[in-house]
Amino acid sequence: MSKRKDDPRLMTLAGLRRRGVTSTTINAFVRGIGIIKSYGSMIRLERLEYHVREELNKTASRATVVLHPLKVVITNLEPSSIIDLDAKKWPDAPVDDAPSYYKVRWGRTKWHQRVNFIKRVKQVSFFK
């Protein structure tokens, strides 16, 4: 076996592809580097990570999870009232692209992350 082939720290094209980096990301990374005139120049890993994040922002769906739930009931909303809101699947989703959005149901009862809700309540002046 070759050490070069099996070493996971080496940044080979095959190694990047094996780790799930798309060809679009690799091409954007190479275009971003440009032409290098010296053989001793080092390219920081953060440059590749930037291009991976940019690609994921365009293609990866997001999900919301409540780990420590707190039940919140909105009292001035009718119990049968349900509103469907559009939410972006990723931050840079195009406004005019329907598949870039998904529906979120908004009703009288909501579950919020306990820590975030308590922080917001403490920020209101009459609780200080």
C-alpha atoms as a PDB file:
ATOM      1  CA  MET A   1       0.000   0.000   0.000  1.00  0.00           C
ATOM      2  CA  SER A   2       1.084   3.499  -0.735  1.00  0.00           C
ATOM      3  CA  LYS A   3       1.420   5.905   2.185  1.00  0.00           C
ATOM      4  CA  ARG A   4       0.453   8.806  -0.047  1.00  0.00           C
ATOM      5  CA  LYS A   5      -2.739   7.090  -1.188  1.00  0.00           C
ATOM      6  CA  ASP A   6      -3.865   6.095   2.305  1.00  0.00           C
ATOM      7  CA  ASP A   7      -2.880   9.184   4.308  1.00  0.00           C
ATOM      8  CA  PRO A   8      -6.132  11.093   5.030  1.00  0.00           C
ATOM      9  CA  ARG A   9      -4.241  14.338   5.728  1.00  0.00           C
ATOM     10  CA  LEU A  10      -3.070  14.743   2.151  1.00  0.00           C
ATOM     11  CA  MET A  11      -5.217  16.974  -0.005  1.00  0.00           C
ATOM     12  CA  THR A  12      -5.452  14.941  -3.202  1.00  0.00           C
ATOM     13  CA  LEU A  13      -8.365  15.223  -5.598  1.00  0.00           C
ATOM     14  CA  ALA A  14      -9.337  11.635  -4.877  1.00  0.00           C
ATOM     15  CA  GLY A  15      -9.145  12.297  -1.131  1.00  0.00           C
ATOM     16  CA  LEU A  16     -11.317  15.409  -1.404  1.00  0.00           C
ATOM     17  CA  ARG A  17     -13.886  13.565  -3.530  1.00  0.00           C
ATOM     18  CA  ARG A  18     -13.875  10.665  -1.063  1.00  0.00           C
ATOM     19  CA  ARG A  19     -14.704  13.135   1.717  1.00  0.00           C
ATOM     20  CA  GLY A  20     -17.677  14.476  -0.248  1.00  0.00           C
ATOM     21  CA  VAL A  21     -16.230  17.674  -1.742  1.00  0.00           C
ATOM     22  CA  THR A  22     -18.013  18.287  -5.038  1.00  0.00           C
ATOM     23  CA  SER A  23     -16.288  18.980  -8.328  1.00  0.00           C
ATOM     24  CA  THR A  24     -18.022  22.383  -8.427  1.00  0.00           C
ATOM     25  CA  THR A  25     -16.359  23.301  -5.136  1.00  0.00           C
ATOM     26  CA  ILE A  26     -12.946  22.097  -6.278  1.00  0.00           C
ATOM     27  CA  ASN A  27     -13.228  24.080  -9.525  1.00  0.00           C
ATOM     28  CA  ALA A  28     -14.265  27.239  -7.635  1.00  0.00           C
ATOM     29  CA  PHE A  29     -11.320  26.763  -5.256  1.00  0.00           C
ATOM     30  CA  VAL A  30      -8.850  26.402  -8.128  1.00  0.00           C
ATOM     31  CA  ARG A  31     -10.284  29.481  -9.900  1.00  0.00           C
ATOM     32  CA  GLY A  32     -10.073  31.408  -6.620  1.00  0.00           C
ATOM     33  CA  ILE A  33      -6.380  30.578  -6.179  1.00  0.00           C
ATOM     34  CA  GLY A  34      -5.416  31.738  -9.643  1.00  0.00           C
ATOM     35  CA  ILE A  35      -1.942  31.264 -11.093  1.00  0.00           C
ATOM     36  CA  ILE A  36       0.814  30.746  -8.538  1.00  0.00           C
ATOM     37  CA  LYS A  37       4.258  31.911  -9.657  1.00  0.00           C
ATOM     38  CA  SER A  38       6.425  30.392  -6.950  1.00  0.00           C
ATOM     39  CA  TYR A  39       6.756  26.751  -5.985  1.00  0.00           C
ATOM     40  CA  GLY A  40       7.222  27.472  -2.298  1.00  0.00           C
ATOM     41  CA  SER A  41       3.876  29.210  -1.777  1.00  0.00           C
ATOM     42  CA  MET A  42       1.436  27.726   0.703  1.00  0.00           C
ATOM     43  CA  ILE A  43      -2.323  27.815   0.328  1.00  0.00           C
ATOM     44  CA  ARG A  44      -4.241  27.865   3.592  1.00  0.00           C
ATOM     45  CA  LEU A  45      -6.914  25.247   4.214  1.00  0.00           C
ATOM     46  CA  GLU A  46      -9.370  28.026   5.115  1.00  0.00           C
ATOM     47  CA  ARG A  47      -9.551  28.943   1.406  1.00  0.00           C
ATOM     48  CA  LEU A  48     -10.890  25.499   0.550  1.00  0.00           C
ATOM     49  CA  GLU A  49     -13.247  25.556   3.538  1.00  0.00           C
ATOM     50  CA  TYR A  50     -14.609  28.916   2.346  1.00  0.00           C
ATOM     51  CA  HIS A  51     -15.516  27.431  -1.044  1.00  0.00           C
ATOM     52  CA  VAL A  52     -17.077  24.362   0.596  1.00  0.00           C
ATOM     53  CA  ARG A  53     -19.266  26.649   2.760  1.00  0.00           C
ATOM     54  CA  GLU A  54     -20.253  28.729  -0.277  1.00  0.00           C
ATOM     55  CA  GLU A  55     -21.347  25.592  -2.140  1.00  0.00           C
ATOM     56  CA  LEU A  56     -23.268  24.269   0.863  1.00  0.00           C
ATOM     57  CA  ASN A  57     -25.040  27.624   1.289  1.00  0.00           C
ATOM     58  CA  LYS A  58     -26.412  27.191  -2.228  1.00  0.00           C
ATOM     59  CA  THR A  59     -27.324  23.507  -2.077  1.00  0.00           C
ATOM     60  CA  ALA A  60     -27.734  22.152   1.460  1.00  0.00           C
ATOM     61  CA  SER A  61     -31.146  22.257   3.116  1.00  0.00           C
ATOM     62  CA  ARG A  62     -31.421  23.490   6.682  1.00  0.00           C
ATOM     63  CA  ALA A  63     -33.536  22.153   9.527  1.00  0.00           C
ATOM     64  CA  THR A  64     -34.580  23.620  12.848  1.00  0.00           C
ATOM     65  CA  VAL A  65     -34.392  21.501  15.967  1.00  0.00           C
ATOM     66  CA  VAL A  66     -35.578  22.328  19.478  1.00  0.00           C
ATOM     67  CA  LEU A  67     -33.446  20.363  21.942  1.00  0.00           C
ATOM     68  CA  HIS A  68     -34.762  21.835  25.215  1.00  0.00           C
ATOM     69  CA  PRO A  69     -38.354  22.833  24.416  1.00  0.00           C
ATOM     70  CA  LEU A  70     -40.505  25.404  26.140  1.00  0.00           C
ATOM     71  CA  LYS A  71     -44.185  25.469  25.189  1.00  0.00           C
ATOM     72  CA  VAL A  72     -45.420  28.976  24.362  1.00  0.00           C
ATOM     73  CA  VAL A  73     -49.112  29.725  23.784  1.00  0.00           C
ATOM     74  CA  ILE A  74     -50.038  32.923  21.956  1.00  0.00           C
ATOM     75  CA  THR A  75     -53.226  33.965  23.766  1.00  0.00           C
ATOM     76  CA  ASN A  76     -54.423  36.665  21.372  1.00  0.00           C
ATOM     77  CA  LEU A  77     -54.522  34.236  18.416  1.00  0.00           C
ATOM     78  CA  GLU A  78     -57.585  32.084  17.777  1.00  0.00           C
ATOM     79  CA  PRO A  79     -57.069  28.379  18.556  1.00  0.00           C
ATOM     80  CA  SER A  80     -58.080  27.303  15.039  1.00  0.00           C
ATOM     81  CA  SER A  81     -55.915  29.921  13.310  1.00  0.00           C
ATOM     82  CA  ILE A  82     -53.014  28.396  11.349  1.00  0.00           C
ATOM     83  CA  ILE A  83     -50.777  30.432   9.052  1.00  0.00           C
ATOM     84  CA  ASP A  84     -48.455  28.880   6.450  1.00  0.00           C
ATOM     85  CA  LEU A  85     -45.224  30.869   6.130  1.00  0.00           C
ATOM     86  CA  ASP A  86     -42.484  30.493   3.521  1.00  0.00           C
ATOM     87  CA  ALA A  87     -39.001  29.788   4.851  1.00  0.00           C
ATOM     88  CA  LYS A  88     -35.743  29.638   2.879  1.00  0.00           C
ATOM     89  CA  LYS A  89     -34.010  26.271   2.601  1.00  0.00           C
ATOM     90  CA  TRP A  90     -30.633  28.043   2.691  1.00  0.00           C
ATOM     91  CA  PRO A  91     -29.518  31.639   3.394  1.00  0.00           C
ATOM     92  CA  ASP A  92     -28.742  32.696  -0.196  1.00  0.00           C
ATOM     93  CA  ALA A  93     -31.855  31.147  -1.760  1.00  0.00           C
ATOM     94  CA  PRO A  94     -33.149  33.100  -4.780  1.00  0.00           C
ATOM     95  CA  VAL A  95     -36.343  35.025  -4.061  1.00  0.00           C
ATOM     96  CA  ASP A  96     -38.081  33.976  -7.287  1.00  0.00           C
ATOM     97  CA  ASP A  97     -37.232  30.236  -7.063  1.00  0.00           C
ATOM     98  CA  ALA A  98     -40.181  28.288  -5.557  1.00  0.00           C
ATOM     99  CA  PRO A  99     -38.212  25.061  -4.800  1.00  0.00           C
ATOM    100  CA  SER A 100     -35.866  27.156  -2.614  1.00  0.00           C
ATOM    101  CA  TYR A 101     -38.616  27.547  -0.014  1.00  0.00           C
ATOM    102  CA  TYR A 102     -40.591  25.258   2.272  1.00  0.00           C
ATOM    103  CA  LYS A 103     -43.756  25.812   4.313  1.00  0.00           C
ATOM    104  CA  VAL A 104     -43.696  26.429   8.058  1.00  0.00           C
ATOM    105  CA  ARG A 105     -46.973  26.132   9.950  1.00  0.00           C
ATOM    106  CA  TRP A 106     -47.528  28.910  12.482  1.00  0.00           C
ATOM    107  CA  GLY A 107     -50.279  28.376  15.038  1.00  0.00           C
ATOM    108  CA  ARG A 108     -51.295  29.300  18.540  1.00  0.00           C
ATOM    109  CA  THR A 109     -48.932  26.838  20.234  1.00  0.00           C
ATOM    110  CA  LYS A 110     -45.207  27.036  19.481  1.00  0.00           C
ATOM    111  CA  TRP A 111     -42.153  25.273  20.871  1.00  0.00           C
ATOM    112  CA  HIS A 112     -39.099  27.457  21.494  1.00  0.00           C
ATOM    113  CA  GLN A 113     -35.592  26.715  22.644  1.00  0.00           C
ATOM    114  CA  ARG A 114     -35.771  27.281  26.419  1.00  0.00           C
ATOM    115  CA  VAL A 115     -32.449  29.160  26.758  1.00  0.00           C
ATOM    116  CA  ASN A 116     -33.145  31.520  23.835  1.00  0.00           C
ATOM    117  CA  PHE A 117     -36.637  32.347  25.063  1.00  0.00           C
ATOM    118  CA  ILE A 118     -35.437  33.109  28.611  1.00  0.00           C
ATOM    119  CA  LYS A 119     -32.686  35.400  27.245  1.00  0.00           C
ATOM    120  CA  ARG A 120     -35.260  37.340  25.202  1.00  0.00           C
ATOM    121  CA  VAL A 121     -37.667  37.689  28.144  1.00  0.00           C
ATOM    122  CA  LYS A 122     -34.875  39.048  30.372  1.00  0.00           C
ATOM    123  CA  GLN A 123     -34.112  41.714  27.754  1.00  0.00           C
ATOM    124  CA  VAL A 124     -37.619  43.209  28.130  1.00  0.00           C
ATOM    125  CA  SER A 125     -37.465  46.257  30.416  1.00  0.00           C
ATOM    126  CA  PHE A 126     -40.232  45.340  32.875  1.00  0.00           C
ATOM    127  CA  PHE A 127     -38.407  42.137  33.891  1.00  0.00           C
ATOM    128  CA  LYS A 128     -35.230  43.981  34.906  1.00  0.00           C
END
